[in-house]
Amino acid sequence: MSQNTELEAAVFRRLLKHLDERKDVQNIDLMNLAGFCRNCLSKWYVAAAEEQGGDVNYDEARELVYGMPYSEWKDKFQKEATPEQMAKFNQSKPK
């Protein structure tokens, strides 16, 4: 593994740790501010695995990103999006 790959892996692990420490930040907030969320990271992980010839399913990737099964994270930490959050999300969608 090259030093660049090791650094990228370390940064990814730090990002996951940061998101784990900020369970108060909802996916809708991430989408509205940055255009991606934890689910996007999970999908990107699956896509990268496929590109490398690996076999990681979406549920496995979400468990890696969320640090627990998604259903458990959703029950414990996910809040209902407010009308304002949804309006902002719908406005920012590409047309």
PDB file of N, CA and C in Angstrom:
ATOM      1  N   MET A   1       0.851  -1.176   0.000  1.00  0.00           N
ATOM      2  CA  MET A   1       0.000   0.000   0.000  1.00  0.00           C
ATOM      3  C   MET A   1       0.898   1.242   0.000  1.00  0.00           C
ATOM      4  N   SER A   2       0.592   2.170  -0.862  1.00  0.00           N
ATOM      5  CA  SER A   2       1.410   3.377  -0.946  1.00  0.00           C
ATOM      6  C   SER A   2       1.105   4.314   0.217  1.00  0.00           C
ATOM      7  N   GLN A   3       2.050   5.216   0.451  1.00  0.00           N
ATOM      8  CA  GLN A   3       1.839   6.189   1.532  1.00  0.00           C
ATOM      9  C   GLN A   3       0.581   7.004   1.270  1.00  0.00           C
ATOM     10  N   ASN A   4       0.330   7.370   0.016  1.00  0.00           N
ATOM     11  CA  ASN A   4      -0.858   8.148  -0.323  1.00  0.00           C
ATOM     12  C   ASN A   4      -2.130   7.377   0.034  1.00  0.00           C
ATOM     13  N   THR A   5      -2.164   6.099  -0.290  1.00  0.00           N
ATOM     14  CA  THR A   5      -3.328   5.267   0.026  1.00  0.00           C
ATOM     15  C   THR A   5      -3.508   5.144   1.536  1.00  0.00           C
ATOM     16  N   GLU A   6      -2.403   4.980   2.243  1.00  0.00           N
ATOM     17  CA  GLU A   6      -2.480   4.893   3.711  1.00  0.00           C
ATOM     18  C   GLU A   6      -3.014   6.192   4.299  1.00  0.00           C
ATOM     19  N   LEU A   7      -2.573   7.313   3.777  1.00  0.00           N
ATOM     20  CA  LEU A   7      -3.067   8.609   4.260  1.00  0.00           C
ATOM     21  C   LEU A   7      -4.556   8.766   3.955  1.00  0.00           C
ATOM     22  N   GLU A   8      -4.962   8.399   2.749  1.00  0.00           N
ATOM     23  CA  GLU A   8      -6.378   8.498   2.382  1.00  0.00           C
ATOM     24  C   GLU A   8      -7.229   7.618   3.293  1.00  0.00           C
ATOM     25  N   ALA A   9      -6.738   6.412   3.588  1.00  0.00           N
ATOM     26  CA  ALA A   9      -7.468   5.505   4.483  1.00  0.00           C
ATOM     27  C   ALA A   9      -7.581   6.106   5.879  1.00  0.00           C
ATOM     28  N   ALA A  10      -6.505   6.715   6.349  1.00  0.00           N
ATOM     29  CA  ALA A  10      -6.521   7.340   7.675  1.00  0.00           C
ATOM     30  C   ALA A  10      -7.504   8.507   7.711  1.00  0.00           C
ATOM     31  N   VAL A  11      -7.538   9.275   6.649  1.00  0.00           N
ATOM     32  CA  VAL A  11      -8.477  10.407   6.585  1.00  0.00           C
ATOM     33  C   VAL A  11      -9.912   9.892   6.568  1.00  0.00           C
ATOM     34  N   PHE A  12     -10.168   8.830   5.822  1.00  0.00           N
ATOM     35  CA  PHE A  12     -11.512   8.253   5.781  1.00  0.00           C
ATOM     36  C   PHE A  12     -11.927   7.756   7.161  1.00  0.00           C
ATOM     37  N   ARG A  13     -11.017   7.068   7.844  1.00  0.00           N
ATOM     38  CA  ARG A  13     -11.335   6.604   9.205  1.00  0.00           C
ATOM     39  C   ARG A  13     -11.608   7.782  10.131  1.00  0.00           C
ATOM     40  N   ARG A  14     -10.861   8.872   9.982  1.00  0.00           N
ATOM     41  CA  ARG A  14     -11.073  10.068  10.813  1.00  0.00           C
ATOM     42  C   ARG A  14     -12.420  10.706  10.503  1.00  0.00           C
ATOM     43  N   LEU A  15     -12.792  10.741   9.222  1.00  0.00           N
ATOM     44  CA  LEU A  15     -14.108  11.264   8.845  1.00  0.00           C
ATOM     45  C   LEU A  15     -15.211  10.435   9.482  1.00  0.00           C
ATOM     46  N   LEU A  16     -15.097   9.124   9.429  1.00  0.00           N
ATOM     47  CA  LEU A  16     -16.110   8.263  10.049  1.00  0.00           C
ATOM     48  C   LEU A  16     -16.166   8.494  11.558  1.00  0.00           C
ATOM     49  N   LYS A  17     -15.007   8.652  12.192  1.00  0.00           N
ATOM     50  CA  LYS A  17     -14.968   8.921  13.636  1.00  0.00           C
ATOM     51  C   LYS A  17     -15.644  10.259  13.940  1.00  0.00           C
ATOM     52  N   HIS A  18     -15.358  11.249  13.131  1.00  0.00           N
ATOM     53  CA  HIS A  18     -15.961  12.568  13.326  1.00  0.00           C
ATOM     54  C   HIS A  18     -17.486  12.481  13.198  1.00  0.00           C
ATOM     55  N   LEU A  19     -17.962  11.800  12.162  1.00  0.00           N
ATOM     56  CA  LEU A  19     -19.410  11.652  11.996  1.00  0.00           C
ATOM     57  C   LEU A  19     -20.018  10.874  13.161  1.00  0.00           C
ATOM     58  N   ASP A  20     -19.290   9.878  13.658  1.00  0.00           N
ATOM     59  CA  ASP A  20     -19.777   9.112  14.798  1.00  0.00           C
ATOM     60  C   ASP A  20     -19.879   9.980  16.043  1.00  0.00           C
ATOM     61  N   GLU A  21     -18.948  10.900  16.188  1.00  0.00           N
ATOM     62  CA  GLU A  21     -18.970  11.810  17.338  1.00  0.00           C
ATOM     63  C   GLU A  21     -20.029  12.896  17.186  1.00  0.00           C
ATOM     64  N   ARG A  22     -20.563  13.070  15.994  1.00  0.00           N
ATOM     65  CA  ARG A  22     -21.554  14.112  15.716  1.00  0.00           C
ATOM     66  C   ARG A  22     -22.873  13.499  15.252  1.00  0.00           C
ATOM     67  N   LYS A  23     -23.378  12.590  16.066  1.00  0.00           N
ATOM     68  CA  LYS A  23     -24.663  11.961  15.735  1.00  0.00           C
ATOM     69  C   LYS A  23     -25.798  12.981  15.726  1.00  0.00           C
ATOM     70  N   ASP A  24     -25.561  14.146  16.344  1.00  0.00           N
ATOM     71  CA  ASP A  24     -26.564  15.201  16.342  1.00  0.00           C
ATOM     72  C   ASP A  24     -26.745  15.818  14.954  1.00  0.00           C
ATOM     73  N   VAL A  25     -25.740  15.669  14.103  1.00  0.00           N
ATOM     74  CA  VAL A  25     -25.835  16.207  12.746  1.00  0.00           C
ATOM     75  C   VAL A  25     -26.594  15.203  11.894  1.00  0.00           C
ATOM     76  N   GLN A  26     -27.738  15.616  11.449  1.00  0.00           N
ATOM     77  CA  GLN A  26     -28.616  14.745  10.676  1.00  0.00           C
ATOM     78  C   GLN A  26     -28.168  14.673   9.219  1.00  0.00           C
ATOM     79  N   ASN A  27     -28.519  13.586   8.560  1.00  0.00           N
ATOM     80  CA  ASN A  27     -28.177  13.432   7.150  1.00  0.00           C
ATOM     81  C   ASN A  27     -28.765  14.558   6.304  1.00  0.00           C
ATOM     82  N   ILE A  28     -29.957  15.006   6.624  1.00  0.00           N
ATOM     83  CA  ILE A  28     -30.574  16.089   5.852  1.00  0.00           C
ATOM     84  C   ILE A  28     -29.734  17.363   5.974  1.00  0.00           C
ATOM     85  N   ASP A  29     -29.151  17.590   7.151  1.00  0.00           N
ATOM     86  CA  ASP A  29     -28.273  18.751   7.333  1.00  0.00           C
ATOM     87  C   ASP A  29     -27.037  18.628   6.452  1.00  0.00           C
ATOM     88  N   LEU A  30     -26.434  17.434   6.447  1.00  0.00           N
ATOM     89  CA  LEU A  30     -25.267  17.205   5.595  1.00  0.00           C
ATOM     90  C   LEU A  30     -25.613  17.404   4.124  1.00  0.00           C
ATOM     91  N   MET A  31     -26.758  16.874   3.704  1.00  0.00           N
ATOM     92  CA  MET A  31     -27.173  17.015   2.302  1.00  0.00           C
ATOM     93  C   MET A  31     -27.377  18.482   1.948  1.00  0.00           C
ATOM     94  N   ASN A  32     -28.027  19.215   2.833  1.00  0.00           N
ATOM     95  CA  ASN A  32     -28.319  20.617   2.548  1.00  0.00           C
ATOM     96  C   ASN A  32     -27.062  21.483   2.529  1.00  0.00           C
ATOM     97  N   LEU A  33     -26.086  21.150   3.348  1.00  0.00           N
ATOM     98  CA  LEU A  33     -24.876  21.957   3.420  1.00  0.00           C
ATOM     99  C   LEU A  33     -23.772  21.498   2.470  1.00  0.00           C
ATOM    100  N   ALA A  34     -23.638  20.184   2.320  1.00  0.00           N
ATOM    101  CA  ALA A  34     -22.483  19.664   1.583  1.00  0.00           C
ATOM    102  C   ALA A  34     -22.850  18.854   0.341  1.00  0.00           C
ATOM    103  N   GLY A  35     -24.118  18.497   0.207  1.00  0.00           N
ATOM    104  CA  GLY A  35     -24.532  17.724  -0.957  1.00  0.00           C
ATOM    105  C   GLY A  35     -24.233  16.239  -0.860  1.00  0.00           C
ATOM    106  N   PHE A  36     -23.876  15.759   0.328  1.00  0.00           N
ATOM    107  CA  PHE A  36     -23.681  14.324   0.558  1.00  0.00           C
ATOM    108  C   PHE A  36     -23.987  14.031   2.019  1.00  0.00           C
ATOM    109  N   CYS A  37     -24.202  12.739   2.307  1.00  0.00           N
ATOM    110  CA  CYS A  37     -24.500  12.341   3.682  1.00  0.00           C
ATOM    111  C   CYS A  37     -23.872  10.981   3.961  1.00  0.00           C
ATOM    112  N   ARG A  38     -24.190  10.420   5.095  1.00  0.00           N
ATOM    113  CA  ARG A  38     -23.654   9.116   5.472  1.00  0.00           C
ATOM    114  C   ARG A  38     -24.065   8.045   4.468  1.00  0.00           C
ATOM    115  N   ASN A  39     -25.303   8.126   3.973  1.00  0.00           N
ATOM    116  CA  ASN A  39     -25.755   7.142   2.988  1.00  0.00           C
ATOM    117  C   ASN A  39     -24.973   7.273   1.688  1.00  0.00           C
ATOM    118  N   CYS A  40     -24.640   8.483   1.296  1.00  0.00           N
ATOM    119  CA  CYS A  40     -23.813   8.694   0.099  1.00  0.00           C
ATOM    120  C   CYS A  40     -22.456   8.027   0.292  1.00  0.00           C
ATOM    121  N   LEU A  41     -21.840   8.226   1.459  1.00  0.00           N
ATOM    122  CA  LEU A  41     -20.554   7.584   1.732  1.00  0.00           C
ATOM    123  C   LEU A  41     -20.665   6.065   1.604  1.00  0.00           C
ATOM    124  N   SER A  42     -21.774   5.524   2.090  1.00  0.00           N
ATOM    125  CA  SER A  42     -21.996   4.081   1.998  1.00  0.00           C
ATOM    126  C   SER A  42     -22.092   3.640   0.547  1.00  0.00           C
ATOM    127  N   LYS A  43     -22.818   4.387  -0.257  1.00  0.00           N
ATOM    128  CA  LYS A  43     -22.941   4.053  -1.676  1.00  0.00           C
ATOM    129  C   LYS A  43     -21.599   4.169  -2.383  1.00  0.00           C
ATOM    130  N   TRP A  44     -20.824   5.186  -2.055  1.00  0.00           N
ATOM    131  CA  TRP A  44     -19.499   5.353  -2.654  1.00  0.00           C
ATOM    132  C   TRP A  44     -18.585   4.199  -2.259  1.00  0.00           C
ATOM    133  N   TYR A  45     -18.733   3.717  -1.031  1.00  0.00           N
ATOM    134  CA  TYR A  45     -17.928   2.591  -0.559  1.00  0.00           C
ATOM    135  C   TYR A  45     -18.246   1.343  -1.366  1.00  0.00           C
ATOM    136  N   VAL A  46     -19.534   1.083  -1.573  1.00  0.00           N
ATOM    137  CA  VAL A  46     -19.957  -0.066  -2.378  1.00  0.00           C
ATOM    138  C   VAL A  46     -19.403   0.055  -3.799  1.00  0.00           C
ATOM    139  N   ALA A  47     -19.535   1.241  -4.391  1.00  0.00           N
ATOM    140  CA  ALA A  47     -19.053   1.463  -5.756  1.00  0.00           C
ATOM    141  C   ALA A  47     -17.539   1.254  -5.848  1.00  0.00           C
ATOM    142  N   ALA A  48     -16.798   1.749  -4.869  1.00  0.00           N
ATOM    143  CA  ALA A  48     -15.345   1.577  -4.863  1.00  0.00           C
ATOM    144  C   ALA A  48     -14.977   0.102  -4.727  1.00  0.00           C
ATOM    145  N   ALA A  49     -15.705  -0.615  -3.891  1.00  0.00           N
ATOM    146  CA  ALA A  49     -15.449  -2.052  -3.736  1.00  0.00           C
ATOM    147  C   ALA A  49     -15.678  -2.769  -5.065  1.00  0.00           C
ATOM    148  N   GLU A  50     -16.763  -2.428  -5.739  1.00  0.00           N
ATOM    149  CA  GLU A  50     -17.056  -3.052  -7.035  1.00  0.00           C
ATOM    150  C   GLU A  50     -15.960  -2.734  -8.051  1.00  0.00           C
ATOM    151  N   GLU A  51     -15.493  -1.486  -8.073  1.00  0.00           N
ATOM    152  CA  GLU A  51     -14.427  -1.089  -8.990  1.00  0.00           C
ATOM    153  C   GLU A  51     -13.140  -1.877  -8.732  1.00  0.00           C
ATOM    154  N   GLN A  52     -12.933  -2.254  -7.475  1.00  0.00           N
ATOM    155  CA  GLN A  52     -11.728  -3.002  -7.096  1.00  0.00           C
ATOM    156  C   GLN A  52     -11.946  -4.512  -7.172  1.00  0.00           C
ATOM    157  N   GLY A  53     -13.127  -4.926  -7.644  1.00  0.00           N
ATOM    158  CA  GLY A  53     -13.425  -6.349  -7.749  1.00  0.00           C
ATOM    159  C   GLY A  53     -13.916  -6.965  -6.453  1.00  0.00           C
ATOM    160  N   GLY A  54     -14.249  -6.129  -5.481  1.00  0.00           N
ATOM    161  CA  GLY A  54     -14.736  -6.614  -4.190  1.00  0.00           C
ATOM    162  C   GLY A  54     -16.241  -6.792  -4.189  1.00  0.00           C
ATOM    163  N   ASP A  55     -16.726  -7.330  -3.105  1.00  0.00           N
ATOM    164  CA  ASP A  55     -18.150  -7.595  -2.975  1.00  0.00           C
ATOM    165  C   ASP A  55     -18.612  -7.112  -1.600  1.00  0.00           C
ATOM    166  N   VAL A  56     -19.032  -5.859  -1.530  1.00  0.00           N
ATOM    167  CA  VAL A  56     -19.560  -5.273  -0.299  1.00  0.00           C
ATOM    168  C   VAL A  56     -20.973  -4.818  -0.608  1.00  0.00           C
ATOM    169  N   ASN A  57     -21.940  -5.277   0.176  1.00  0.00           N
ATOM    170  CA  ASN A  57     -23.305  -4.825  -0.087  1.00  0.00           C
ATOM    171  C   ASN A  57     -23.600  -3.538   0.681  1.00  0.00           C
ATOM    172  N   TYR A  58     -24.687  -2.910   0.304  1.00  0.00           N
ATOM    173  CA  TYR A  58     -25.047  -1.608   0.860  1.00  0.00           C
ATOM    174  C   TYR A  58     -25.230  -1.657   2.370  1.00  0.00           C
ATOM    175  N   ASP A  59     -25.876  -2.701   2.885  1.00  0.00           N
ATOM    176  CA  ASP A  59     -26.079  -2.799   4.331  1.00  0.00           C
ATOM    177  C   ASP A  59     -24.750  -2.920   5.076  1.00  0.00           C
ATOM    178  N   GLU A  60     -23.807  -3.677   4.514  1.00  0.00           N
ATOM    179  CA  GLU A  60     -22.481  -3.796   5.130  1.00  0.00           C
ATOM    180  C   GLU A  60     -21.764  -2.441   5.129  1.00  0.00           C
ATOM    181  N   ALA A  61     -21.871  -1.734   4.023  1.00  0.00           N
ATOM    182  CA  ALA A  61     -21.231  -0.424   3.929  1.00  0.00           C
ATOM    183  C   ALA A  61     -21.866   0.555   4.911  1.00  0.00           C
ATOM    184  N   ARG A  62     -23.189   0.529   5.028  1.00  0.00           N
ATOM    185  CA  ARG A  62     -23.833   1.447   5.980  1.00  0.00           C
ATOM    186  C   ARG A  62     -23.433   1.121   7.409  1.00  0.00           C
ATOM    187  N   GLU A  63     -23.296  -0.151   7.729  1.00  0.00           N
ATOM    188  CA  GLU A  63     -22.880  -0.500   9.088  1.00  0.00           C
ATOM    189  C   GLU A  63     -21.461   0.013   9.359  1.00  0.00           C
ATOM    190  N   LEU A  64     -20.607  -0.036   8.359  1.00  0.00           N
ATOM    191  CA  LEU A  64     -19.261   0.516   8.506  1.00  0.00           C
ATOM    192  C   LEU A  64     -19.328   2.025   8.734  1.00  0.00           C
ATOM    193  N   VAL A  65     -20.114   2.724   7.928  1.00  0.00           N
ATOM    194  CA  VAL A  65     -20.197   4.182   8.014  1.00  0.00           C
ATOM    195  C   VAL A  65     -20.898   4.632   9.293  1.00  0.00           C
ATOM    196  N   TYR A  66     -21.989   3.975   9.642  1.00  0.00           N
ATOM    197  CA  TYR A  66     -22.769   4.381  10.818  1.00  0.00           C
ATOM    198  C   TYR A  66     -22.209   3.822  12.130  1.00  0.00           C
ATOM    199  N   GLY A  67     -21.357   2.795  12.043  1.00  0.00           N
ATOM    200  CA  GLY A  67     -20.799   2.192  13.251  1.00  0.00           C
ATOM    201  C   GLY A  67     -21.747   1.244  13.949  1.00  0.00           C
ATOM    202  N   MET A  68     -22.847   0.927  13.292  1.00  0.00           N
ATOM    203  CA  MET A  68     -23.866   0.013  13.810  1.00  0.00           C
ATOM    204  C   MET A  68     -24.837  -0.246  12.663  1.00  0.00           C
ATOM    205  N   PRO A  69     -25.711  -1.232  12.804  1.00  0.00           N
ATOM    206  CA  PRO A  69     -26.712  -1.416  11.748  1.00  0.00           C
ATOM    207  C   PRO A  69     -27.522  -0.129  11.558  1.00  0.00           C
ATOM    208  N   TYR A  70     -27.813   0.177  10.306  1.00  0.00           N
ATOM    209  CA  TYR A  70     -28.522   1.422   9.997  1.00  0.00           C
ATOM    210  C   TYR A  70     -29.847   1.519  10.744  1.00  0.00           C
ATOM    211  N   SER A  71     -30.587   0.427  10.835  1.00  0.00           N
ATOM    212  CA  SER A  71     -31.885   0.467  11.517  1.00  0.00           C
ATOM    213  C   SER A  71     -31.723   0.889  12.978  1.00  0.00           C
ATOM    214  N   GLU A  72     -30.652   0.436  13.612  1.00  0.00           N
ATOM    215  CA  GLU A  72     -30.387   0.817  15.003  1.00  0.00           C
ATOM    216  C   GLU A  72     -30.038   2.303  15.091  1.00  0.00           C
ATOM    217  N   TRP A  73     -29.167   2.790  14.197  1.00  0.00           N
ATOM    218  CA  TRP A  73     -28.797   4.205  14.188  1.00  0.00           C
ATOM    219  C   TRP A  73     -30.034   5.068  13.961  1.00  0.00           C
ATOM    220  N   LYS A  74     -30.858   4.651  13.013  1.00  0.00           N
ATOM    221  CA  LYS A  74     -32.064   5.408  12.681  1.00  0.00           C
ATOM    222  C   LYS A  74     -32.996   5.503  13.893  1.00  0.00           C
ATOM    223  N   ASP A  75     -33.196   4.382  14.574  1.00  0.00           N
ATOM    224  CA  ASP A  75     -34.065   4.372  15.760  1.00  0.00           C
ATOM    225  C   ASP A  75     -33.522   5.254  16.885  1.00  0.00           C
ATOM    226  N   LYS A  76     -32.206   5.247  17.068  1.00  0.00           N
ATOM    227  CA  LYS A  76     -31.598   5.974  18.181  1.00  0.00           C
ATOM    228  C   LYS A  76     -31.364   7.456  17.892  1.00  0.00           C
ATOM    229  N   PHE A  77     -31.000   7.783  16.648  1.00  0.00           N
ATOM    230  CA  PHE A  77     -30.472   9.123  16.400  1.00  0.00           C
ATOM    231  C   PHE A  77     -31.182   9.941  15.316  1.00  0.00           C
ATOM    232  N   GLN A  78     -31.880   9.294  14.409  1.00  0.00           N
ATOM    233  CA  GLN A  78     -32.468  10.059  13.308  1.00  0.00           C
ATOM    234  C   GLN A  78     -33.752  10.744  13.742  1.00  0.00           C
ATOM    235  N   LYS A  79     -33.834  12.014  13.400  1.00  0.00           N
ATOM    236  CA  LYS A  79     -35.025  12.798  13.705  1.00  0.00           C
ATOM    237  C   LYS A  79     -35.791  13.052  12.415  1.00  0.00           C
ATOM    238  N   GLU A  80     -37.044  13.338  12.545  1.00  0.00           N
ATOM    239  CA  GLU A  80     -37.869  13.694  11.388  1.00  0.00           C
ATOM    240  C   GLU A  80     -37.384  15.029  10.824  1.00  0.00           C
ATOM    241  N   ALA A  81     -37.233  15.077   9.526  1.00  0.00           N
ATOM    242  CA  ALA A  81     -36.818  16.332   8.884  1.00  0.00           C
ATOM    243  C   ALA A  81     -37.922  17.368   9.022  1.00  0.00           C
ATOM    244  N   THR A  82     -37.507  18.594   9.269  1.00  0.00           N
ATOM    245  CA  THR A  82     -38.487  19.680   9.384  1.00  0.00           C
ATOM    246  C   THR A  82     -38.939  20.108   7.988  1.00  0.00           C
ATOM    247  N   PRO A  83     -40.079  20.767   7.900  1.00  0.00           N
ATOM    248  CA  PRO A  83     -40.504  21.286   6.596  1.00  0.00           C
ATOM    249  C   PRO A  83     -39.461  22.209   5.969  1.00  0.00           C
ATOM    250  N   GLU A  84     -38.781  22.997   6.797  1.00  0.00           N
ATOM    251  CA  GLU A  84     -37.747  23.894   6.294  1.00  0.00           C
ATOM    252  C   GLU A  84     -36.568  23.121   5.703  1.00  0.00           C
ATOM    253  N   GLN A  85     -36.145  22.062   6.402  1.00  0.00           N
ATOM    254  CA  GLN A  85     -35.053  21.232   5.903  1.00  0.00           C
ATOM    255  C   GLN A  85     -35.433  20.586   4.562  1.00  0.00           C
ATOM    256  N   MET A  86     -36.654  20.090   4.483  1.00  0.00           N
ATOM    257  CA  MET A  86     -37.098  19.438   3.249  1.00  0.00           C
ATOM    258  C   MET A  86     -37.211  20.438   2.104  1.00  0.00           C
ATOM    259  N   ALA A  87     -37.674  21.638   2.388  1.00  0.00           N
ATOM    260  CA  ALA A  87     -37.785  22.671   1.343  1.00  0.00           C
ATOM    261  C   ALA A  87     -36.396  22.995   0.805  1.00  0.00           C
ATOM    262  N   LYS A  88     -35.438  23.159   1.691  1.00  0.00           N
ATOM    263  CA  LYS A  88     -34.066  23.459   1.259  1.00  0.00           C
ATOM    264  C   LYS A  88     -33.505  22.288   0.445  1.00  0.00           C
ATOM    265  N   PHE A  89     -33.750  21.078   0.892  1.00  0.00           N
ATOM    266  CA  PHE A  89     -33.287  19.898   0.180  1.00  0.00           C
ATOM    267  C   PHE A  89     -33.883  19.836  -1.225  1.00  0.00           C
ATOM    268  N   ASN A  90     -35.183  20.053  -1.318  1.00  0.00           N
ATOM    269  CA  ASN A  90     -35.848  20.000  -2.618  1.00  0.00           C
ATOM    270  C   ASN A  90     -35.385  21.098  -3.556  1.00  0.00           C
ATOM    271  N   GLN A  91     -35.034  22.256  -3.018  1.00  0.00           N
ATOM    272  CA  GLN A  91     -34.519  23.360  -3.839  1.00  0.00           C
ATOM    273  C   GLN A  91     -33.126  23.072  -4.362  1.00  0.00           C
ATOM    274  N   SER A  92     -32.343  22.326  -3.619  1.00  0.00           N
ATOM    275  CA  SER A  92     -30.949  22.093  -4.004  1.00  0.00           C
ATOM    276  C   SER A  92     -30.760  20.901  -4.927  1.00  0.00           C
ATOM    277  N   LYS A  93     -31.810  20.115  -5.157  1.00  0.00           N
ATOM    278  CA  LYS A  93     -31.717  18.969  -6.043  1.00  0.00           C
ATOM    279  C   LYS A  93     -31.425  19.424  -7.469  1.00  0.00           C
ATOM    280  N   PRO A  94     -30.530  18.702  -8.150  1.00  0.00           N
ATOM    281  CA  PRO A  94     -30.314  19.034  -9.565  1.00  0.00           C
ATOM    282  C   PRO A  94     -31.581  18.765 -10.371  1.00  0.00           C
ATOM    283  N   LYS A  95     -31.820  19.590 -11.354  1.00  0.00           N
ATOM    284  CA  LYS A  95     -33.048  19.425 -12.145  1.00  0.00           C
ATOM    285  C   LYS A  95     -32.760  18.826 -13.480  1.00  0.00           C
TER     286      LYS A  95
END
